Amino acid sequence: MTRFSLLGVPIDPLSEAEAIEWVARALTEGRPRLVISVNPERIMQAERDPDFAAILRRADLALADGAGVLWAARRLGYRLPNRLAGVDFVTALAARGARDGWRFFFLGGGPGVAEAAGRALRQRYPGFTLAGTHAGSPDPGNDPATTQAVRSSGAQLLFLAYGAAAEEAWLARNLARSGAVVGMGVGGSFDFISGRARRAPRWMRDSGLEWLHRLRREPWRWRRMLALPQFVLRVMREPR
């Protein structure tokens, strides 16, 4: 694994299978590890927010999520095996965890969504263990109660659905205190896994058009989507 930097944000060029093995080794070693999911929106946010950029640079594992990241890496001469969306990674880890007895904790999400995602994974992968869920809040004032909920569950893997930047900031403050080993922000993954939201058709995901599907279903995202053309322009200005 040779890490490279894309507009100042780290990327680890791992396949899904390699990333799962990385997590398995991390669980064996037992030291807290921060995993981040890198997409164009997060990269552009990091350019505006030095504190967020610093958290991303300290990540133990940085996975490429998004067709834009694949395009940018290839344009700048880096090789990536494929994109690894957060929802796909969570699902793959659940499958491995069901076999190996890993304990998961789902933090955040809308009312009942984390629980519904856990039920869906348990039905798909008998043996999957959701040690606990908690709505919590990214507000630092709620950190003691939230970290206690995670610690008392005995969970090893902690997934957060607080939204970009808030997820990573929470993990940077609290992962070591939570007792979990691997922590990762997963955005809307609980909604997709539970069936509360529908992913783009496979052909749109393979064609790099998943953003268009989300924009059509959630038009309020248009301001956030402005990061995409900004990202393209920034990459086009980078020396090759």
Protein backbone atom coordinates (compact mmCIF):
# COMPACT_ATOMS: atom_id res chain seq x y z
CA MET A 1 0.00 0.00 0.00
CA THR A 2 1.49 3.33 -1.09
CA ARG A 3 -0.46 6.29 0.22
CA PHE A 4 -0.68 9.39 -1.94
CA SER A 5 -2.15 12.85 -1.44
CA LEU A 6 -4.98 14.27 -3.53
CA LEU A 7 -5.21 18.06 -3.09
CA GLY A 8 -3.74 17.62 0.37
CA VAL A 9 -6.01 14.75 1.45
CA PRO A 10 -4.55 11.24 1.85
CA ILE A 11 -5.74 8.28 -0.22
CA ASP A 12 -4.81 4.64 0.38
CA PRO A 13 -5.18 2.66 -2.88
CA LEU A 14 -6.73 -0.50 -1.46
CA SER A 15 -9.28 -2.84 -2.94
CA GLU A 16 -12.28 -3.82 -0.85
CA ALA A 17 -10.69 -7.15 0.08
CA GLU A 18 -7.44 -5.44 1.12
CA ALA A 19 -9.31 -2.86 3.21
CA ILE A 20 -11.23 -5.59 5.03
CA GLU A 21 -7.97 -7.39 5.83
CA TRP A 22 -6.56 -4.08 7.09
CA VAL A 23 -9.51 -3.81 9.50
CA ALA A 24 -9.07 -7.42 10.63
CA ARG A 25 -5.41 -6.72 11.48
CA ALA A 26 -6.36 -3.51 13.29
CA LEU A 27 -8.85 -5.40 15.46
CA THR A 28 -6.16 -7.92 16.35
CA GLU A 29 -3.69 -5.19 17.29
CA GLY A 30 -6.31 -3.32 19.33
CA ARG A 31 -5.05 0.24 18.85
CA PRO A 32 -7.76 2.82 17.95
CA ARG A 33 -7.77 3.51 14.20
CA LEU A 34 -9.60 6.26 12.32
CA VAL A 35 -10.91 5.33 8.88
CA ILE A 36 -12.11 8.07 6.54
CA SER A 37 -14.09 8.00 3.33
CA VAL A 38 -12.73 10.52 0.81
CA ASN A 39 -14.92 12.11 -1.84
CA PRO A 40 -14.75 15.43 -3.74
CA GLU A 41 -17.05 17.15 -1.25
CA ARG A 42 -14.80 16.28 1.69
CA ILE A 43 -11.69 17.33 -0.23
CA MET A 44 -13.14 20.75 -1.03
CA GLN A 45 -14.37 21.14 2.53
CA ALA A 46 -10.85 20.39 3.77
CA GLU A 47 -9.52 23.23 1.62
CA ARG A 48 -11.83 25.64 3.47
CA ASP A 49 -11.44 24.16 6.95
CA PRO A 50 -7.87 23.68 8.25
CA ASP A 51 -9.04 21.78 11.35
CA PHE A 52 -10.96 19.30 9.22
CA ALA A 53 -7.99 18.96 6.86
CA ALA A 54 -5.72 18.16 9.82
CA ILE A 55 -8.05 15.38 10.99
CA LEU A 56 -8.13 13.84 7.51
CA ARG A 57 -4.33 13.91 7.27
CA ARG A 58 -4.09 11.99 10.57
CA ALA A 59 -6.41 9.19 9.39
CA ASP A 60 -5.04 5.66 9.67
CA LEU A 61 -6.90 4.52 6.55
CA ALA A 62 -8.28 6.75 3.79
CA LEU A 63 -10.61 5.09 1.28
CA ALA A 64 -11.55 6.50 -2.11
CA ASP A 65 -15.31 7.04 -2.27
CA GLY A 66 -16.63 8.53 -5.45
CA ALA A 67 -16.09 8.47 -9.19
CA GLY A 68 -14.61 11.97 -8.97
CA VAL A 69 -11.77 10.71 -6.78
CA LEU A 70 -11.06 7.88 -9.23
CA TRP A 71 -10.99 10.32 -12.15
CA ALA A 72 -8.74 12.78 -10.33
CA ALA A 73 -6.30 10.09 -9.20
CA ARG A 74 -5.95 8.70 -12.70
CA ARG A 75 -5.56 12.16 -14.22
CA LEU A 76 -2.73 12.94 -11.81
CA GLY A 77 -0.97 9.64 -12.40
CA TYR A 78 -2.06 7.58 -9.37
CA ARG A 79 -3.54 4.11 -9.60
CA LEU A 80 -6.67 3.15 -7.70
CA PRO A 81 -8.22 -0.33 -7.94
CA ASN A 82 -11.77 1.01 -7.69
CA ARG A 83 -13.99 3.23 -5.59
CA LEU A 84 -15.11 1.96 -2.20
CA ALA A 85 -18.37 3.57 -1.13
CA GLY A 86 -19.08 3.73 2.58
CA VAL A 87 -22.27 1.69 2.33
CA ASP A 88 -20.46 -1.09 0.42
CA PHE A 89 -17.64 -1.14 2.96
CA VAL A 90 -20.01 -1.33 5.93
CA THR A 91 -21.88 -4.19 4.25
CA ALA A 92 -18.67 -6.08 3.45
CA LEU A 93 -17.41 -5.66 7.01
CA ALA A 94 -20.75 -6.90 8.35
CA ALA A 95 -20.38 -10.06 6.25
CA ARG A 96 -16.86 -10.67 7.56
CA GLY A 97 -17.85 -9.71 11.10
CA ALA A 98 -20.74 -12.18 11.11
CA ARG A 99 -18.22 -14.92 10.41
CA ASP A 100 -15.52 -13.76 12.81
CA GLY A 101 -17.66 -12.56 15.72
CA TRP A 102 -16.98 -8.82 15.44
CA ARG A 103 -19.15 -6.45 17.48
CA PHE A 104 -20.54 -3.32 15.80
CA PHE A 105 -22.04 -0.07 17.12
CA PHE A 106 -24.15 2.29 14.99
CA LEU A 107 -24.18 5.90 16.16
CA GLY A 108 -26.47 8.63 14.83
CA GLY A 109 -28.95 8.47 11.98
CA GLY A 110 -32.64 9.33 12.03
CA PRO A 111 -35.07 7.82 14.56
CA GLY A 112 -35.02 4.04 14.27
CA VAL A 113 -32.75 4.00 11.21
CA ALA A 114 -29.65 2.52 12.89
CA GLU A 115 -31.75 -0.24 14.45
CA ALA A 116 -33.40 -0.97 11.10
CA ALA A 117 -30.00 -1.15 9.41
CA GLY A 118 -28.86 -3.62 12.06
CA ARG A 119 -31.92 -5.81 11.51
CA ALA A 120 -31.34 -5.79 7.75
CA LEU A 121 -27.72 -6.86 8.18
CA ARG A 122 -28.66 -9.56 10.68
CA GLN A 123 -31.18 -11.00 8.22
CA ARG A 124 -28.61 -10.94 5.43
CA TYR A 125 -25.70 -12.22 7.50
CA PRO A 126 -26.74 -14.52 10.37
CA GLY A 127 -24.25 -14.05 13.16
CA PHE A 128 -23.91 -10.30 12.62
CA THR A 129 -23.77 -8.63 16.05
CA LEU A 130 -24.99 -5.08 16.53
CA ALA A 131 -23.80 -4.47 20.08
CA GLY A 132 -25.69 -1.20 20.37
CA THR A 133 -27.10 1.96 18.80
CA HIS A 134 -27.36 5.49 20.10
CA ALA A 135 -28.76 8.65 18.55
CA GLY A 136 -26.36 10.93 20.38
CA SER A 137 -25.23 14.21 18.88
CA PRO A 138 -22.02 15.64 17.44
CA ASP A 139 -22.21 18.37 20.09
CA PRO A 140 -19.15 17.99 22.36
CA GLY A 141 -21.39 18.48 25.38
CA ASN A 142 -22.92 15.07 24.69
CA ASP A 143 -19.59 13.26 24.33
CA PRO A 144 -19.47 11.70 27.83
CA ALA A 145 -22.87 10.02 27.53
CA THR A 146 -22.22 8.87 23.97
CA THR A 147 -18.77 7.45 24.63
CA GLN A 148 -20.12 5.62 27.67
CA ALA A 149 -22.87 4.05 25.56
CA VAL A 150 -20.29 2.75 23.09
CA ARG A 151 -17.83 1.59 25.76
CA SER A 152 -20.44 -0.30 27.78
CA SER A 153 -21.54 -2.20 24.64
CA GLY A 154 -18.10 -3.76 24.12
CA ALA A 155 -18.22 -2.83 20.43
CA GLN A 156 -15.06 -3.09 18.33
CA LEU A 157 -16.24 -1.26 15.23
CA LEU A 158 -18.01 2.10 15.48
CA PHE A 159 -19.84 3.67 12.56
CA LEU A 160 -21.20 7.23 12.76
CA ALA A 161 -23.93 8.97 10.77
CA TYR A 162 -23.52 12.61 11.80
CA GLY A 163 -22.59 14.06 8.42
CA ALA A 164 -19.25 14.99 6.89
CA ALA A 165 -16.76 16.78 9.15
CA ALA A 166 -18.92 16.28 12.26
CA GLU A 167 -18.28 12.52 12.08
CA GLU A 168 -14.54 12.87 11.75
CA ALA A 169 -14.35 15.56 14.44
CA TRP A 170 -16.27 13.33 16.87
CA LEU A 171 -13.96 10.40 16.20
CA ALA A 172 -10.85 12.55 16.57
CA ARG A 173 -12.08 13.61 20.03
CA ASN A 174 -13.60 10.38 21.26
CA LEU A 175 -12.52 7.20 19.48
CA ALA A 176 -9.88 6.30 22.04
CA ARG A 177 -12.29 6.94 24.93
CA SER A 178 -15.11 4.95 23.33
CA GLY A 179 -13.35 1.60 23.68
CA ALA A 180 -13.92 0.83 19.98
CA VAL A 181 -10.91 -0.04 17.85
CA VAL A 182 -12.02 1.05 14.35
CA GLY A 183 -14.14 4.15 13.86
CA MET A 184 -15.53 5.53 10.61
CA GLY A 185 -18.08 8.11 9.50
CA VAL A 186 -20.56 6.57 7.08
CA GLY A 187 -22.93 9.42 6.16
CA GLY A 188 -26.20 8.07 4.79
CA SER A 189 -25.18 4.40 4.80
CA PHE A 190 -27.70 3.43 7.49
CA ASP A 191 -30.51 4.82 5.33
CA PHE A 192 -29.42 2.74 2.34
CA ILE A 193 -28.82 -0.46 4.32
CA SER A 194 -32.17 -0.18 6.11
CA GLY A 195 -34.03 0.46 2.86
CA ARG A 196 -35.18 3.94 3.95
CA ALA A 197 -33.35 5.38 0.95
CA ARG A 198 -32.74 3.88 -2.48
CA ARG A 199 -29.30 3.83 -4.08
CA ALA A 200 -28.74 4.75 -7.68
CA PRO A 201 -29.03 1.87 -10.18
CA ARG A 202 -25.83 -0.04 -10.71
CA TRP A 203 -25.30 1.44 -14.19
CA MET A 204 -25.38 4.97 -12.75
CA ARG A 205 -22.90 4.04 -10.01
CA ASP A 206 -20.58 2.41 -12.53
CA SER A 207 -20.85 5.45 -14.82
CA GLY A 208 -20.06 7.97 -12.11
CA LEU A 209 -23.59 9.39 -12.12
CA GLU A 210 -24.68 8.49 -8.60
CA TRP A 211 -24.55 12.18 -7.68
CA LEU A 212 -27.22 12.91 -10.30
CA HIS A 213 -29.52 10.27 -8.80
CA ARG A 214 -29.13 11.76 -5.32
CA LEU A 215 -29.70 15.27 -6.61
CA ARG A 216 -32.92 14.21 -8.32
CA ARG A 217 -34.21 12.54 -5.16
CA GLU A 218 -32.87 15.20 -2.78
CA PRO A 219 -32.85 18.52 -4.69
CA TRP A 220 -31.92 20.40 -1.52
CA ARG A 221 -28.42 19.01 -2.02
CA TRP A 222 -27.71 21.34 -4.93
CA ARG A 223 -25.54 23.70 -2.88
CA ARG A 224 -23.42 20.81 -1.64
CA MET A 225 -23.12 19.52 -5.20
CA LEU A 226 -21.36 22.73 -6.20
CA ALA A 227 -18.26 21.13 -4.72
CA LEU A 228 -18.10 18.83 -7.76
CA PRO A 229 -17.33 21.44 -10.46
CA GLN A 230 -15.03 23.24 -8.01
CA PHE A 231 -13.18 19.98 -7.47
CA VAL A 232 -12.84 19.35 -11.20
CA LEU A 233 -11.39 22.83 -11.76
CA ARG A 234 -8.90 22.39 -8.93
CA VAL A 235 -7.73 19.05 -10.28
CA MET A 236 -7.41 20.44 -13.81
CA ARG A 237 -5.03 23.08 -12.48
CA GLU A 238 -2.79 20.52 -10.76
CA PRO A 239 0.47 19.63 -12.55
CA ARG A 240 0.47 16.11 -14.01
